Protein backbone atom coordinates (compact mmCIF):
# COMPACT_ATOMS: atom_id res chain seq x y z
CA UNK A 1 0.00 0.00 0.00
CA UNK A 2 1.46 3.42 -0.86
CA UNK A 3 2.68 5.35 2.18
CA UNK A 4 0.19 7.78 3.66
CA UNK A 5 -2.88 6.12 2.19
CA UNK A 6 -5.53 4.45 4.27
CA UNK A 7 -8.05 1.83 3.33
CA UNK A 8 -11.24 3.91 3.02
CA UNK A 9 -13.20 1.88 5.57
CA UNK A 10 -10.23 2.06 7.98
CA UNK A 11 -9.64 5.82 7.67
CA UNK A 12 -9.77 7.90 10.84
CA UNK A 13 -12.13 10.87 10.99
CA UNK A 14 -10.63 14.33 10.53
CA UNK A 15 -8.47 15.71 12.06
CA UNK A 16 -7.17 12.39 13.47
CA UNK A 17 -6.71 11.21 9.88
CA UNK A 18 -3.70 13.55 9.69
CA UNK A 19 -2.00 11.66 12.54
CA UNK A 20 -2.85 8.37 10.81
CA UNK A 21 -1.33 9.62 7.55
CA UNK A 22 1.80 10.75 9.40
CA UNK A 23 2.27 7.31 10.97
CA UNK A 24 1.55 5.66 7.62
CA UNK A 25 4.06 7.86 5.78
CA UNK A 26 6.30 4.79 5.69
CA UNK A 27 5.36 1.36 4.37
CA UNK A 28 7.41 -0.92 6.62
CA UNK A 29 6.93 -3.92 4.34
CA UNK A 30 8.25 -2.25 1.16
CA UNK A 31 10.48 0.33 2.85
CA UNK A 32 8.90 3.14 0.82
CA UNK A 33 9.03 6.31 2.94
CA UNK A 34 7.45 9.66 2.11
CA UNK A 35 9.72 11.25 4.74
CA UNK A 36 13.04 10.08 3.32
CA UNK A 37 14.97 13.10 4.59
CA UNK A 38 14.67 16.73 5.71
CA UNK A 39 13.46 18.01 2.32
CA UNK A 40 10.77 15.35 2.03
CA UNK A 41 9.64 16.10 5.59
CA UNK A 42 9.47 19.83 4.80
CA UNK A 43 7.37 19.14 1.69
CA UNK A 44 5.06 16.74 3.55
CA UNK A 45 4.45 19.17 6.42
CA UNK A 46 4.05 22.17 4.08
CA UNK A 47 1.57 20.32 1.88
CA UNK A 48 -0.59 19.81 4.96
CA UNK A 49 -0.10 23.42 6.10
CA UNK A 50 1.71 22.41 9.29
CA UNK A 51 4.69 24.62 8.36
CA UNK A 52 5.39 27.28 5.75
CA UNK A 53 6.70 26.09 2.39
CA UNK A 54 9.93 28.05 2.84
CA UNK A 55 10.59 26.73 6.37
CA UNK A 56 14.06 25.31 6.95
CA UNK A 57 14.17 21.67 8.15
CA UNK A 58 17.40 20.35 9.64
CA UNK A 59 18.64 16.78 10.01
CA UNK A 60 17.87 17.03 13.76
CA UNK A 61 14.29 18.18 12.96
CA UNK A 62 13.92 15.21 10.64
CA UNK A 63 15.19 12.76 13.28
CA UNK A 64 12.77 14.19 15.88
CA UNK A 65 9.87 13.83 13.44
CA UNK A 66 10.77 10.19 12.85
CA UNK A 67 10.97 9.68 16.62
CA UNK A 68 7.45 11.11 16.88
CA UNK A 69 6.15 8.92 14.05
CA UNK A 70 7.58 5.75 15.57
CA UNK A 71 6.55 6.73 19.11
CA UNK A 72 2.99 7.24 17.91
CA UNK A 73 3.15 3.86 16.13
CA UNK A 74 4.26 2.26 19.43
CA UNK A 75 1.23 3.79 21.17
CA UNK A 76 -1.07 2.58 18.37
CA UNK A 77 0.31 -0.91 18.88
CA UNK A 78 -0.58 -0.59 22.56
CA UNK A 79 -4.08 0.52 21.48
CA UNK A 80 -4.27 -2.90 19.76
CA UNK A 81 -3.26 -4.83 22.87
CA UNK A 82 0.44 -5.19 22.12
CA UNK A 83 3.42 -4.14 24.16
CA UNK A 84 4.54 -0.55 23.45
CA UNK A 85 8.24 -0.01 22.82
CA UNK A 86 9.19 2.08 25.86
CA UNK A 87 12.27 3.62 24.20
CA UNK A 88 10.19 4.83 21.24
CA UNK A 89 7.65 6.35 23.63
CA UNK A 90 10.46 8.03 25.60
CA UNK A 91 11.79 9.59 22.37
CA UNK A 92 8.25 10.74 21.53
CA UNK A 93 8.01 12.39 24.95
CA UNK A 94 11.33 14.21 24.44
CA UNK A 95 10.18 15.52 21.06
CA UNK A 96 6.79 16.50 22.50
CA UNK A 97 8.50 18.54 25.18
CA UNK A 98 10.06 20.76 22.51
CA UNK A 99 6.64 21.63 21.06
CA UNK A 100 5.38 23.26 24.26
CA UNK A 101 1.69 22.56 23.65
CA UNK A 102 -0.55 24.77 25.78
CA UNK A 103 -4.19 25.82 26.07
CA UNK A 104 -5.01 28.97 24.10
CA UNK A 105 -8.04 31.10 24.98
CA UNK A 106 -9.55 33.56 22.50
CA UNK A 107 -12.75 35.59 22.83
CA UNK A 108 -15.64 33.97 20.96
CA UNK A 109 -13.87 30.63 20.52
CA UNK A 110 -13.55 27.39 22.39
CA UNK A 111 -10.23 26.91 24.20
CA UNK A 112 -7.82 24.90 22.06
CA UNK A 113 -4.42 23.28 22.31
CA UNK A 114 -1.67 24.95 20.31
CA UNK A 115 2.11 24.58 20.18
CA UNK A 116 4.31 27.41 21.40
CA UNK A 117 7.12 26.29 19.07
CA UNK A 118 7.40 27.06 15.40
CA UNK A 119 8.78 25.04 12.50
CA UNK A 120 8.96 21.27 12.77
CA UNK A 121 8.53 21.36 16.56
CA UNK A 122 5.36 23.40 16.08
CA UNK A 123 4.11 20.90 13.47
CA UNK A 124 4.79 18.08 15.92
CA UNK A 125 2.85 20.06 18.53
CA UNK A 126 -0.10 20.38 16.15
CA UNK A 127 -0.13 16.62 15.57
CA UNK A 128 0.03 15.98 19.32
CA UNK A 129 -2.80 18.47 19.94
CA UNK A 130 -4.89 16.38 17.53
CA UNK A 131 -4.01 13.28 19.57
CA UNK A 132 -5.09 15.04 22.77
CA UNK A 133 -8.36 16.03 21.12
CA UNK A 134 -8.93 12.43 20.01
CA UNK A 135 -8.38 11.26 23.59
CA UNK A 136 -10.94 13.83 24.78
CA UNK A 137 -13.47 12.64 22.15
CA UNK A 138 -12.90 8.95 22.92
CA UNK A 139 -11.46 8.25 19.47
CA UNK A 140 -7.78 7.72 20.30
CA UNK A 141 -8.20 4.09 21.39
CA UNK A 142 -9.75 3.26 18.02
CA UNK A 143 -6.61 4.29 16.11
CA UNK A 144 -4.51 1.13 16.14
CA UNK A 145 -1.48 -0.43 14.46
CA UNK A 146 -1.72 -3.78 12.71
CA UNK A 147 0.00 -6.49 14.78
CA UNK A 148 1.57 -8.24 11.77
CA UNK A 149 5.36 -7.90 12.24
CA UNK A 150 6.11 -6.57 8.77
CA UNK A 151 3.08 -4.29 8.62
CA UNK A 152 2.23 -2.15 11.70
CA UNK A 153 -0.03 -0.03 9.43
CA UNK A 154 -2.19 2.49 11.31
CA UNK A 155 -5.93 1.95 10.89
CA UNK A 156 -9.08 3.25 12.54
CA UNK A 157 -11.30 0.63 14.16
CA UNK A 158 -14.88 1.51 13.24
CA UNK A 159 -16.33 -1.69 14.79
CA UNK A 160 -19.01 -1.20 17.44
CA UNK A 161 -17.14 -3.18 20.08
CA UNK A 162 -13.63 -1.88 19.26
CA UNK A 163 -12.54 -5.42 18.31
CA UNK A 164 -10.83 -4.65 14.98
CA UNK A 165 -7.35 -6.15 15.00
CA UNK A 166 -6.02 -6.08 11.42
CA UNK A 167 -5.48 -3.30 8.91
CA UNK A 168 -6.91 -5.70 6.32
CA UNK A 169 -8.43 -8.99 7.40
CA UNK A 170 -8.08 -10.46 3.91
CA UNK A 171 -4.32 -9.76 3.88
CA UNK A 172 -2.66 -9.44 7.28
CA UNK A 173 -5.37 -11.23 9.21
CA UNK A 174 -5.40 -14.26 6.92
CA UNK A 175 -1.60 -14.47 6.78
CA UNK A 176 -1.29 -14.38 10.57
CA UNK A 177 -4.16 -16.79 11.17
CA UNK A 178 -2.65 -19.27 8.70
CA UNK A 179 0.77 -18.90 10.38
CA UNK A 180 -0.75 -19.51 13.82
CA UNK A 181 -2.60 -22.58 12.50
CA UNK A 182 0.63 -24.04 11.07
CA UNK A 183 2.42 -23.41 14.37
CA UNK A 184 -0.32 -25.16 16.36
CA UNK A 185 -0.25 -28.09 13.95
CA UNK A 186 3.53 -28.35 14.14
CA UNK A 187 3.42 -28.22 17.97
CA UNK A 188 0.87 -31.08 18.06
CA UNK A 189 3.05 -33.24 15.83
CA UNK A 190 6.08 -32.94 18.15
C-alpha atoms as a PDB file:
ATOM      1  CA  UNK A   1       0.000   0.000   0.000  1.00  0.00           C
ATOM      2  CA  UNK A   2       1.465   3.417  -0.865  1.00  0.00           C
ATOM      3  CA  UNK A   3       2.681   5.346   2.179  1.00  0.00           C
ATOM      4  CA  UNK A   4       0.192   7.779   3.656  1.00  0.00           C
ATOM      5  CA  UNK A   5      -2.883   6.119   2.192  1.00  0.00           C
ATOM      6  CA  UNK A   6      -5.529   4.453   4.265  1.00  0.00           C
ATOM      7  CA  UNK A   7      -8.049   1.828   3.329  1.00  0.00           C
ATOM      8  CA  UNK A   8     -11.242   3.906   3.017  1.00  0.00           C
ATOM      9  CA  UNK A   9     -13.197   1.879   5.570  1.00  0.00           C
ATOM     10  CA  UNK A  10     -10.229   2.058   7.982  1.00  0.00           C
ATOM     11  CA  UNK A  11      -9.641   5.822   7.671  1.00  0.00           C
ATOM     12  CA  UNK A  12      -9.765   7.901  10.838  1.00  0.00           C
ATOM     13  CA  UNK A  13     -12.125  10.875  10.986  1.00  0.00           C
ATOM     14  CA  UNK A  14     -10.626  14.325  10.531  1.00  0.00           C
ATOM     15  CA  UNK A  15      -8.475  15.710  12.061  1.00  0.00           C
ATOM     16  CA  UNK A  16      -7.175  12.387  13.474  1.00  0.00           C
ATOM     17  CA  UNK A  17      -6.715  11.209   9.885  1.00  0.00           C
ATOM     18  CA  UNK A  18      -3.698  13.547   9.685  1.00  0.00           C
ATOM     19  CA  UNK A  19      -1.996  11.659  12.535  1.00  0.00           C
ATOM     20  CA  UNK A  20      -2.855   8.366  10.810  1.00  0.00           C
ATOM     21  CA  UNK A  21      -1.327   9.615   7.549  1.00  0.00           C
ATOM     22  CA  UNK A  22       1.797  10.754   9.401  1.00  0.00           C
ATOM     23  CA  UNK A  23       2.268   7.315  10.973  1.00  0.00           C
ATOM     24  CA  UNK A  24       1.549   5.664   7.617  1.00  0.00           C
ATOM     25  CA  UNK A  25       4.060   7.865   5.783  1.00  0.00           C
ATOM     26  CA  UNK A  26       6.305   4.786   5.687  1.00  0.00           C
ATOM     27  CA  UNK A  27       5.360   1.357   4.367  1.00  0.00           C
ATOM     28  CA  UNK A  28       7.414  -0.922   6.622  1.00  0.00           C
ATOM     29  CA  UNK A  29       6.927  -3.916   4.340  1.00  0.00           C
ATOM     30  CA  UNK A  30       8.251  -2.255   1.165  1.00  0.00           C
ATOM     31  CA  UNK A  31      10.481   0.333   2.851  1.00  0.00           C
ATOM     32  CA  UNK A  32       8.897   3.138   0.817  1.00  0.00           C
ATOM     33  CA  UNK A  33       9.034   6.308   2.938  1.00  0.00           C
ATOM     34  CA  UNK A  34       7.453   9.663   2.113  1.00  0.00           C
ATOM     35  CA  UNK A  35       9.720  11.247   4.744  1.00  0.00           C
ATOM     36  CA  UNK A  36      13.043  10.077   3.324  1.00  0.00           C
ATOM     37  CA  UNK A  37      14.972  13.100   4.593  1.00  0.00           C
ATOM     38  CA  UNK A  38      14.665  16.729   5.712  1.00  0.00           C
ATOM     39  CA  UNK A  39      13.458  18.010   2.321  1.00  0.00           C
ATOM     40  CA  UNK A  40      10.767  15.351   2.027  1.00  0.00           C
ATOM     41  CA  UNK A  41       9.644  16.098   5.591  1.00  0.00           C
ATOM     42  CA  UNK A  42       9.467  19.833   4.802  1.00  0.00           C
ATOM     43  CA  UNK A  43       7.374  19.139   1.693  1.00  0.00           C
ATOM     44  CA  UNK A  44       5.060  16.735   3.553  1.00  0.00           C
ATOM     45  CA  UNK A  45       4.445  19.175   6.417  1.00  0.00           C
ATOM     46  CA  UNK A  46       4.050  22.175   4.085  1.00  0.00           C
ATOM     47  CA  UNK A  47       1.570  20.317   1.877  1.00  0.00           C
ATOM     48  CA  UNK A  48      -0.590  19.809   4.964  1.00  0.00           C
ATOM     49  CA  UNK A  49      -0.104  23.419   6.097  1.00  0.00           C
ATOM     50  CA  UNK A  50       1.712  22.411   9.289  1.00  0.00           C
ATOM     51  CA  UNK A  51       4.693  24.623   8.362  1.00  0.00           C
ATOM     52  CA  UNK A  52       5.394  27.276   5.749  1.00  0.00           C
ATOM     53  CA  UNK A  53       6.697  26.089   2.388  1.00  0.00           C
ATOM     54  CA  UNK A  54       9.928  28.053   2.843  1.00  0.00           C
ATOM     55  CA  UNK A  55      10.588  26.732   6.372  1.00  0.00           C
ATOM     56  CA  UNK A  56      14.058  25.308   6.953  1.00  0.00           C
ATOM     57  CA  UNK A  57      14.167  21.672   8.154  1.00  0.00           C
ATOM     58  CA  UNK A  58      17.404  20.353   9.636  1.00  0.00           C
ATOM     59  CA  UNK A  59      18.640  16.783  10.007  1.00  0.00           C
ATOM     60  CA  UNK A  60      17.867  17.026  13.760  1.00  0.00           C
ATOM     61  CA  UNK A  61      14.293  18.176  12.961  1.00  0.00           C
ATOM     62  CA  UNK A  62      13.919  15.206  10.637  1.00  0.00           C
ATOM     63  CA  UNK A  63      15.188  12.763  13.281  1.00  0.00           C
ATOM     64  CA  UNK A  64      12.768  14.189  15.884  1.00  0.00           C
ATOM     65  CA  UNK A  65       9.873  13.835  13.444  1.00  0.00           C
ATOM     66  CA  UNK A  66      10.772  10.193  12.848  1.00  0.00           C
ATOM     67  CA  UNK A  67      10.967   9.680  16.620  1.00  0.00           C
ATOM     68  CA  UNK A  68       7.445  11.111  16.881  1.00  0.00           C
ATOM     69  CA  UNK A  69       6.154   8.924  14.053  1.00  0.00           C
ATOM     70  CA  UNK A  70       7.576   5.750  15.568  1.00  0.00           C
ATOM     71  CA  UNK A  71       6.549   6.728  19.107  1.00  0.00           C
ATOM     72  CA  UNK A  72       2.986   7.243  17.906  1.00  0.00           C
ATOM     73  CA  UNK A  73       3.146   3.864  16.131  1.00  0.00           C
ATOM     74  CA  UNK A  74       4.262   2.261  19.427  1.00  0.00           C
ATOM     75  CA  UNK A  75       1.225   3.790  21.170  1.00  0.00           C
ATOM     76  CA  UNK A  76      -1.065   2.576  18.373  1.00  0.00           C
ATOM     77  CA  UNK A  77       0.311  -0.913  18.882  1.00  0.00           C
ATOM     78  CA  UNK A  78      -0.582  -0.589  22.562  1.00  0.00           C
ATOM     79  CA  UNK A  79      -4.084   0.517  21.481  1.00  0.00           C
ATOM     80  CA  UNK A  80      -4.269  -2.898  19.758  1.00  0.00           C
ATOM     81  CA  UNK A  81      -3.265  -4.826  22.871  1.00  0.00           C
ATOM     82  CA  UNK A  82       0.438  -5.195  22.120  1.00  0.00           C
ATOM     83  CA  UNK A  83       3.421  -4.138  24.164  1.00  0.00           C
ATOM     84  CA  UNK A  84       4.536  -0.549  23.449  1.00  0.00           C
ATOM     85  CA  UNK A  85       8.241  -0.010  22.824  1.00  0.00           C
ATOM     86  CA  UNK A  86       9.191   2.085  25.858  1.00  0.00           C
ATOM     87  CA  UNK A  87      12.269   3.618  24.196  1.00  0.00           C
ATOM     88  CA  UNK A  88      10.191   4.834  21.244  1.00  0.00           C
ATOM     89  CA  UNK A  89       7.647   6.345  23.629  1.00  0.00           C
ATOM     90  CA  UNK A  90      10.458   8.032  25.597  1.00  0.00           C
ATOM     91  CA  UNK A  91      11.785   9.595  22.367  1.00  0.00           C
ATOM     92  CA  UNK A  92       8.247  10.736  21.534  1.00  0.00           C
ATOM     93  CA  UNK A  93       8.010  12.390  24.948  1.00  0.00           C
ATOM     94  CA  UNK A  94      11.330  14.208  24.439  1.00  0.00           C
ATOM     95  CA  UNK A  95      10.175  15.520  21.058  1.00  0.00           C
ATOM     96  CA  UNK A  96       6.786  16.496  22.496  1.00  0.00           C
ATOM     97  CA  UNK A  97       8.503  18.545  25.179  1.00  0.00           C
ATOM     98  CA  UNK A  98      10.056  20.761  22.513  1.00  0.00           C
ATOM     99  CA  UNK A  99       6.635  21.631  21.059  1.00  0.00           C
ATOM    100  CA  UNK A 100       5.376  23.261  24.262  1.00  0.00           C
ATOM    101  CA  UNK A 101       1.686  22.562  23.653  1.00  0.00           C
ATOM    102  CA  UNK A 102      -0.550  24.772  25.777  1.00  0.00           C
ATOM    103  CA  UNK A 103      -4.185  25.824  26.072  1.00  0.00           C
ATOM    104  CA  UNK A 104      -5.013  28.972  24.103  1.00  0.00           C
ATOM    105  CA  UNK A 105      -8.040  31.102  24.978  1.00  0.00           C
ATOM    106  CA  UNK A 106      -9.548  33.559  22.495  1.00  0.00           C
ATOM    107  CA  UNK A 107     -12.754  35.594  22.827  1.00  0.00           C
ATOM    108  CA  UNK A 108     -15.642  33.974  20.956  1.00  0.00           C
ATOM    109  CA  UNK A 109     -13.868  30.628  20.515  1.00  0.00           C
ATOM    110  CA  UNK A 110     -13.549  27.388  22.394  1.00  0.00           C
ATOM    111  CA  UNK A 111     -10.226  26.905  24.196  1.00  0.00           C
ATOM    112  CA  UNK A 112      -7.818  24.897  22.060  1.00  0.00           C
ATOM    113  CA  UNK A 113      -4.421  23.280  22.311  1.00  0.00           C
ATOM    114  CA  UNK A 114      -1.670  24.946  20.307  1.00  0.00           C
ATOM    115  CA  UNK A 115       2.108  24.584  20.177  1.00  0.00           C
ATOM    116  CA  UNK A 116       4.309  27.407  21.395  1.00  0.00           C
ATOM    117  CA  UNK A 117       7.120  26.286  19.070  1.00  0.00           C
ATOM    118  CA  UNK A 118       7.403  27.059  15.398  1.00  0.00           C
ATOM    119  CA  UNK A 119       8.784  25.043  12.498  1.00  0.00           C
ATOM    120  CA  UNK A 120       8.965  21.270  12.773  1.00  0.00           C
ATOM    121  CA  UNK A 121       8.535  21.359  16.557  1.00  0.00           C
ATOM    122  CA  UNK A 122       5.357  23.398  16.076  1.00  0.00           C
ATOM    123  CA  UNK A 123       4.112  20.904  13.466  1.00  0.00           C
ATOM    124  CA  UNK A 124       4.788  18.084  15.920  1.00  0.00           C
ATOM    125  CA  UNK A 125       2.854  20.058  18.528  1.00  0.00           C
ATOM    126  CA  UNK A 126      -0.099  20.383  16.153  1.00  0.00           C
ATOM    127  CA  UNK A 127      -0.131  16.622  15.574  1.00  0.00           C
ATOM    128  CA  UNK A 128       0.026  15.979  19.316  1.00  0.00           C
ATOM    129  CA  UNK A 129      -2.797  18.470  19.944  1.00  0.00           C
ATOM    130  CA  UNK A 130      -4.891  16.376  17.528  1.00  0.00           C
ATOM    131  CA  UNK A 131      -4.012  13.277  19.568  1.00  0.00           C
ATOM    132  CA  UNK A 132      -5.087  15.036  22.772  1.00  0.00           C
ATOM    133  CA  UNK A 133      -8.364  16.031  21.123  1.00  0.00           C
ATOM    134  CA  UNK A 134      -8.934  12.434  20.013  1.00  0.00           C
ATOM    135  CA  UNK A 135      -8.379  11.264  23.586  1.00  0.00           C
ATOM    136  CA  UNK A 136     -10.940  13.829  24.782  1.00  0.00           C
ATOM    137  CA  UNK A 137     -13.466  12.640  22.149  1.00  0.00           C
ATOM    138  CA  UNK A 138     -12.898   8.949  22.920  1.00  0.00           C
ATOM    139  CA  UNK A 139     -11.458   8.252  19.468  1.00  0.00           C
ATOM    140  CA  UNK A 140      -7.778   7.717  20.300  1.00  0.00           C
ATOM    141  CA  UNK A 141      -8.202   4.085  21.393  1.00  0.00           C
ATOM    142  CA  UNK A 142      -9.746   3.263  18.018  1.00  0.00           C
ATOM    143  CA  UNK A 143      -6.609   4.285  16.115  1.00  0.00           C
ATOM    144  CA  UNK A 144      -4.506   1.126  16.136  1.00  0.00           C
ATOM    145  CA  UNK A 145      -1.479  -0.431  14.463  1.00  0.00           C
ATOM    146  CA  UNK A 146      -1.724  -3.776  12.711  1.00  0.00           C
ATOM    147  CA  UNK A 147       0.001  -6.492  14.781  1.00  0.00           C
ATOM    148  CA  UNK A 148       1.572  -8.245  11.774  1.00  0.00           C
ATOM    149  CA  UNK A 149       5.355  -7.904  12.239  1.00  0.00           C
ATOM    150  CA  UNK A 150       6.111  -6.570   8.770  1.00  0.00           C
ATOM    151  CA  UNK A 151       3.076  -4.289   8.618  1.00  0.00           C
ATOM    152  CA  UNK A 152       2.230  -2.150  11.695  1.00  0.00           C
ATOM    153  CA  UNK A 153      -0.025  -0.028   9.433  1.00  0.00           C
ATOM    154  CA  UNK A 154      -2.195   2.494  11.310  1.00  0.00           C
ATOM    155  CA  UNK A 155      -5.928   1.953  10.892  1.00  0.00           C
ATOM    156  CA  UNK A 156      -9.080   3.251  12.537  1.00  0.00           C
ATOM    157  CA  UNK A 157     -11.296   0.628  14.163  1.00  0.00           C
ATOM    158  CA  UNK A 158     -14.883   1.508  13.242  1.00  0.00           C
ATOM    159  CA  UNK A 159     -16.327  -1.693  14.789  1.00  0.00           C
ATOM    160  CA  UNK A 160     -19.015  -1.203  17.437  1.00  0.00           C
ATOM    161  CA  UNK A 161     -17.139  -3.184  20.084  1.00  0.00           C
ATOM    162  CA  UNK A 162     -13.632  -1.884  19.258  1.00  0.00           C
ATOM    163  CA  UNK A 163     -12.539  -5.415  18.307  1.00  0.00           C
ATOM    164  CA  UNK A 164     -10.829  -4.648  14.978  1.00  0.00           C
ATOM    165  CA  UNK A 165      -7.354  -6.154  15.001  1.00  0.00           C
ATOM    166  CA  UNK A 166      -6.024  -6.083  11.424  1.00  0.00           C
ATOM    167  CA  UNK A 167      -5.477  -3.295   8.905  1.00  0.00           C
ATOM    168  CA  UNK A 168      -6.913  -5.700   6.320  1.00  0.00           C
ATOM    169  CA  UNK A 169      -8.432  -8.989   7.401  1.00  0.00           C
ATOM    170  CA  UNK A 170      -8.077 -10.459   3.908  1.00  0.00           C
ATOM    171  CA  UNK A 171      -4.325  -9.758   3.880  1.00  0.00           C
ATOM    172  CA  UNK A 172      -2.656  -9.441   7.279  1.00  0.00           C
ATOM    173  CA  UNK A 173      -5.375 -11.234   9.213  1.00  0.00           C
ATOM    174  CA  UNK A 174      -5.404 -14.260   6.919  1.00  0.00           C
ATOM    175  CA  UNK A 175      -1.600 -14.474   6.784  1.00  0.00           C
ATOM    176  CA  UNK A 176      -1.291 -14.375  10.567  1.00  0.00           C
ATOM    177  CA  UNK A 177      -4.159 -16.789  11.167  1.00  0.00           C
ATOM    178  CA  UNK A 178      -2.647 -19.275   8.695  1.00  0.00           C
ATOM    179  CA  UNK A 179       0.769 -18.905  10.384  1.00  0.00           C
ATOM    180  CA  UNK A 180      -0.748 -19.511  13.825  1.00  0.00           C
ATOM    181  CA  UNK A 181      -2.601 -22.581  12.504  1.00  0.00           C
ATOM    182  CA  UNK A 182       0.631 -24.036  11.068  1.00  0.00           C
ATOM    183  CA  UNK A 183       2.425 -23.407  14.375  1.00  0.00           C
ATOM    184  CA  UNK A 184      -0.318 -25.160  16.359  1.00  0.00           C
ATOM    185  CA  UNK A 185      -0.252 -28.094  13.953  1.00  0.00           C
ATOM    186  CA  UNK A 186       3.528 -28.352  14.144  1.00  0.00           C
ATOM    187  CA  UNK A 187       3.415 -28.221  17.973  1.00  0.00           C
ATOM    188  CA  UNK A 188       0.868 -31.084  18.062  1.00  0.00           C
ATOM    189  CA  UNK A 189       3.049 -33.241  15.833  1.00  0.00           C
ATOM    190  CA  UNK A 190       6.078 -32.939  18.146  1.00  0.00           C
END
